[in-house]
Amino acid sequence: MICTEREHKNGRYYPTGRSATNRVPRMGIWPWLLVTILLQPGPLSAESIPVRYPEGTVHGFLALRTLEGKLLAGGDLTEVHRGNQIVSRLVFRFRDGSVDDDTTVFSQHGAFRLISDHHIQKGRASRIRRMF
């Protein structure tokens, strides 16, 4: 068989369009795929936290300061009952106008159970916090 130099590399014949660099070993991917599937983490579980004292209605005024005492943000924390659930909202308003708002809904029947968590960050300070 006569072949061109382009088709003949390292003593092997590769038809036009299939060079040695374009060939993918098909058997080499199966062990990696099997390892990847077997190493997938299962469902994560956490130990439940028993309720010793049920949460009540709370309204707190917060101040976030540096170690030197400089005020970074003022905020407030409110917790209210809504039926069988507790709605907790933590809001920080930073001096540059940025806002960090976190609303958490949980139940406390025997053990604390998270129902939902919604976190909103707006402004310059939120971009800085995401970097760390």
C-alpha atoms as a PDB file:
ATOM      1  CA  MET A   1       0.000   0.000   0.000  1.00  0.00           C
ATOM      2  CA  ILE A   2       1.345   3.386  -0.939  1.00  0.00           C
ATOM      3  CA  CYS A   3       0.727   6.226   1.452  1.00  0.00           C
ATOM      4  CA  THR A   4       1.814   9.798   1.754  1.00  0.00           C
ATOM      5  CA  GLU A   5       4.145  11.005   4.501  1.00  0.00           C
ATOM      6  CA  ARG A   6       1.209  12.723   6.206  1.00  0.00           C
ATOM      7  CA  GLU A   7      -0.636   9.418   6.516  1.00  0.00           C
ATOM      8  CA  HIS A   8       2.408   7.497   7.843  1.00  0.00           C
ATOM      9  CA  LYS A   9       3.607   8.397  11.368  1.00  0.00           C
ATOM     10  CA  ASN A  10       5.768   6.373  13.749  1.00  0.00           C
ATOM     11  CA  GLY A  11       5.614   3.286  11.553  1.00  0.00           C
ATOM     12  CA  ARG A  12       1.804   3.167  11.570  1.00  0.00           C
ATOM     13  CA  TYR A  13      -0.641   3.846   8.793  1.00  0.00           C
ATOM     14  CA  TYR A  14      -3.493   6.277   9.505  1.00  0.00           C
ATOM     15  CA  PRO A  15      -5.994   6.937   6.740  1.00  0.00           C
ATOM     16  CA  THR A  16      -6.516  10.544   5.719  1.00  0.00           C
ATOM     17  CA  GLY A  17      -8.566  12.460   8.289  1.00  0.00           C
ATOM     18  CA  ARG A  18      -7.491  10.311  11.268  1.00  0.00           C
ATOM     19  CA  SER A  19      -4.020  11.237  12.469  1.00  0.00           C
ATOM     20  CA  ALA A  20      -2.396   9.844  15.603  1.00  0.00           C
ATOM     21  CA  THR A  21      -3.158  13.036  17.525  1.00  0.00           C
ATOM     22  CA  ASN A  22      -6.867  12.909  16.633  1.00  0.00           C
ATOM     23  CA  ARG A  23      -7.427   9.351  17.822  1.00  0.00           C
ATOM     24  CA  VAL A  24      -8.972   9.082  21.297  1.00  0.00           C
ATOM     25  CA  PRO A  25      -8.441   5.812  23.142  1.00  0.00           C
ATOM     26  CA  ARG A  26     -11.933   4.556  23.800  1.00  0.00           C
ATOM     27  CA  MET A  27     -11.011   2.054  26.504  1.00  0.00           C
ATOM     28  CA  GLY A  28      -9.103   4.660  28.533  1.00  0.00           C
ATOM     29  CA  ILE A  29     -12.160   6.707  29.469  1.00  0.00           C
ATOM     30  CA  TRP A  30     -14.207   3.881  31.033  1.00  0.00           C
ATOM     31  CA  PRO A  31     -12.054   3.384  34.156  1.00  0.00           C
ATOM     32  CA  TRP A  32     -12.090   7.144  34.838  1.00  0.00           C
ATOM     33  CA  LEU A  33     -15.830   7.310  34.328  1.00  0.00           C
ATOM     34  CA  LEU A  34     -16.348   4.393  36.719  1.00  0.00           C
ATOM     35  CA  VAL A  35     -14.116   5.989  39.377  1.00  0.00           C
ATOM     36  CA  THR A  36     -15.949   9.307  39.000  1.00  0.00           C
ATOM     37  CA  ILE A  37     -19.327   7.649  39.477  1.00  0.00           C
ATOM     38  CA  LEU A  38     -18.199   5.610  42.481  1.00  0.00           C
ATOM     39  CA  LEU A  39     -16.636   8.606  44.229  1.00  0.00           C
ATOM     40  CA  GLN A  40     -19.766  10.760  44.051  1.00  0.00           C
ATOM     41  CA  PRO A  41     -20.820  11.799  47.553  1.00  0.00           C
ATOM     42  CA  GLY A  42     -24.090  10.415  48.825  1.00  0.00           C
ATOM     43  CA  PRO A  43     -26.837  12.505  50.337  1.00  0.00           C
ATOM     44  CA  LEU A  44     -25.520  14.692  53.112  1.00  0.00           C
ATOM     45  CA  SER A  45     -27.091  14.316  56.497  1.00  0.00           C
ATOM     46  CA  ALA A  46     -26.726  16.345  59.642  1.00  0.00           C
ATOM     47  CA  GLU A  47     -27.580  15.630  63.228  1.00  0.00           C
ATOM     48  CA  SER A  48     -30.776  17.359  64.272  1.00  0.00           C
ATOM     49  CA  ILE A  49     -30.589  19.964  67.025  1.00  0.00           C
ATOM     50  CA  PRO A  50     -33.139  19.376  69.770  1.00  0.00           C
ATOM     51  CA  VAL A  51     -35.241  22.315  70.936  1.00  0.00           C
ATOM     52  CA  ARG A  52     -34.587  22.984  74.626  1.00  0.00           C
ATOM     53  CA  TYR A  53     -36.308  26.349  74.830  1.00  0.00           C
ATOM     54  CA  PRO A  54     -38.679  27.411  72.035  1.00  0.00           C
ATOM     55  CA  GLU A  55     -37.860  30.645  70.230  1.00  0.00           C
ATOM     56  CA  GLY A  56     -40.150  33.584  70.872  1.00  0.00           C
ATOM     57  CA  THR A  57     -40.673  36.996  69.364  1.00  0.00           C
ATOM     58  CA  VAL A  58     -37.442  39.004  69.213  1.00  0.00           C
ATOM     59  CA  HIS A  59     -36.418  42.448  67.985  1.00  0.00           C
ATOM     60  CA  GLY A  60     -32.779  43.415  68.397  1.00  0.00           C
ATOM     61  CA  PHE A  61     -30.749  46.387  67.214  1.00  0.00           C
ATOM     62  CA  LEU A  62     -27.236  45.441  66.072  1.00  0.00           C
ATOM     63  CA  ALA A  63     -23.975  47.231  65.341  1.00  0.00           C
ATOM     64  CA  LEU A  64     -21.177  45.675  63.281  1.00  0.00           C
ATOM     65  CA  ARG A  65     -17.783  47.171  64.204  1.00  0.00           C
ATOM     66  CA  THR A  66     -14.114  46.644  63.387  1.00  0.00           C
ATOM     67  CA  LEU A  67     -11.686  45.503  66.094  1.00  0.00           C
ATOM     68  CA  GLU A  68     -10.760  49.169  66.563  1.00  0.00           C
ATOM     69  CA  GLY A  69     -14.420  50.074  67.229  1.00  0.00           C
ATOM     70  CA  LYS A  70     -15.204  51.812  63.914  1.00  0.00           C
ATOM     71  CA  LEU A  71     -18.858  51.330  62.893  1.00  0.00           C
ATOM     72  CA  LEU A  72     -19.213  49.339  59.660  1.00  0.00           C
ATOM     73  CA  ALA A  73     -22.953  48.698  59.644  1.00  0.00           C
ATOM     74  CA  GLY A  74     -26.088  49.066  61.669  1.00  0.00           C
ATOM     75  CA  GLY A  75     -28.742  46.414  61.608  1.00  0.00           C
ATOM     76  CA  ASP A  76     -31.676  44.740  63.194  1.00  0.00           C
ATOM     77  CA  LEU A  77     -32.844  41.212  63.909  1.00  0.00           C
ATOM     78  CA  THR A  78     -36.527  40.278  64.100  1.00  0.00           C
ATOM     79  CA  GLU A  79     -38.088  36.894  64.815  1.00  0.00           C
ATOM     80  CA  VAL A  80     -41.855  36.419  64.653  1.00  0.00           C
ATOM     81  CA  HIS A  81     -44.245  33.462  64.757  1.00  0.00           C
ATOM     82  CA  ARG A  82     -46.268  32.647  61.659  1.00  0.00           C
ATOM     83  CA  GLY A  83     -48.433  29.642  62.431  1.00  0.00           C
ATOM     84  CA  ASN A  84     -46.113  26.723  63.216  1.00  0.00           C
ATOM     85  CA  GLN A  85     -43.063  28.497  61.832  1.00  0.00           C
ATOM     86  CA  ILE A  86     -40.561  31.099  62.981  1.00  0.00           C
ATOM     87  CA  VAL A  87     -39.490  33.781  60.488  1.00  0.00           C
ATOM     88  CA  SER A  88     -36.106  35.303  61.340  1.00  0.00           C
ATOM     89  CA  ARG A  89     -34.849  38.354  59.423  1.00  0.00           C
ATOM     90  CA  LEU A  90     -31.381  39.831  59.826  1.00  0.00           C
ATOM     91  CA  VAL A  91     -30.618  43.077  57.960  1.00  0.00           C
ATOM     92  CA  PHE A  92     -27.334  45.024  57.950  1.00  0.00           C
ATOM     93  CA  ARG A  93     -27.126  48.466  56.329  1.00  0.00           C
ATOM     94  CA  PHE A  94     -23.541  49.476  55.625  1.00  0.00           C
ATOM     95  CA  ARG A  95     -22.214  53.026  55.642  1.00  0.00           C
ATOM     96  CA  ASP A  96     -21.638  52.979  51.852  1.00  0.00           C
ATOM     97  CA  GLY A  97     -25.331  52.174  51.241  1.00  0.00           C
ATOM     98  CA  SER A  98     -24.888  48.412  50.786  1.00  0.00           C
ATOM     99  CA  VAL A  99     -27.466  46.055  52.279  1.00  0.00           C
ATOM    100  CA  ASP A 100     -27.154  42.472  53.525  1.00  0.00           C
ATOM    101  CA  ASP A 101     -30.610  40.942  54.085  1.00  0.00           C
ATOM    102  CA  ASP A 102     -31.112  37.340  55.256  1.00  0.00           C
ATOM    103  CA  THR A 103     -34.570  35.838  55.862  1.00  0.00           C
ATOM    104  CA  THR A 104     -34.757  32.358  57.399  1.00  0.00           C
ATOM    105  CA  VAL A 105     -37.883  30.299  58.018  1.00  0.00           C
ATOM    106  CA  PHE A 106     -37.725  27.290  60.357  1.00  0.00           C
ATOM    107  CA  SER A 107     -39.910  25.108  62.518  1.00  0.00           C
ATOM    108  CA  GLN A 108     -39.163  23.964  66.060  1.00  0.00           C
ATOM    109  CA  HIS A 109     -41.318  20.895  66.766  1.00  0.00           C
ATOM    110  CA  GLY A 110     -38.977  18.729  68.875  1.00  0.00           C
ATOM    111  CA  ALA A 111     -35.982  19.704  66.712  1.00  0.00           C
ATOM    112  CA  PHE A 112     -35.075  22.716  64.618  1.00  0.00           C
ATOM    113  CA  ARG A 113     -35.818  22.196  60.910  1.00  0.00           C
ATOM    114  CA  LEU A 114     -34.808  24.675  58.223  1.00  0.00           C
ATOM    115  CA  ILE A 115     -37.640  25.354  55.797  1.00  0.00           C
ATOM    116  CA  SER A 116     -36.144  28.159  53.688  1.00  0.00           C
ATOM    117  CA  ASP A 117     -33.309  30.675  53.642  1.00  0.00           C
ATOM    118  CA  HIS A 118     -33.206  33.707  51.350  1.00  0.00           C
ATOM    119  CA  HIS A 119     -30.060  35.854  51.285  1.00  0.00           C
ATOM    120  CA  ILE A 120     -29.864  39.179  49.399  1.00  0.00           C
ATOM    121  CA  GLN A 121     -26.698  41.258  49.079  1.00  0.00           C
ATOM    122  CA  LYS A 122     -26.793  44.638  47.332  1.00  0.00           C
ATOM    123  CA  GLY A 123     -24.124  47.258  46.841  1.00  0.00           C
ATOM    124  CA  ARG A 124     -20.351  47.563  46.941  1.00  0.00           C
ATOM    125  CA  ALA A 125     -19.803  45.802  50.274  1.00  0.00           C
ATOM    126  CA  SER A 126     -21.483  42.633  48.944  1.00  0.00           C
ATOM    127  CA  ARG A 127     -18.935  42.391  46.104  1.00  0.00           C
ATOM    128  CA  ILE A 128     -16.084  42.661  48.601  1.00  0.00           C
ATOM    129  CA  ARG A 129     -17.532  40.000  50.922  1.00  0.00           C
ATOM    130  CA  ARG A 130     -17.982  37.500  48.048  1.00  0.00           C
ATOM    131  CA  MET A 131     -14.237  37.578  47.356  1.00  0.00           C
ATOM    132  CA  PHE A 132     -13.394  36.053  50.739  1.00  0.00           C
END
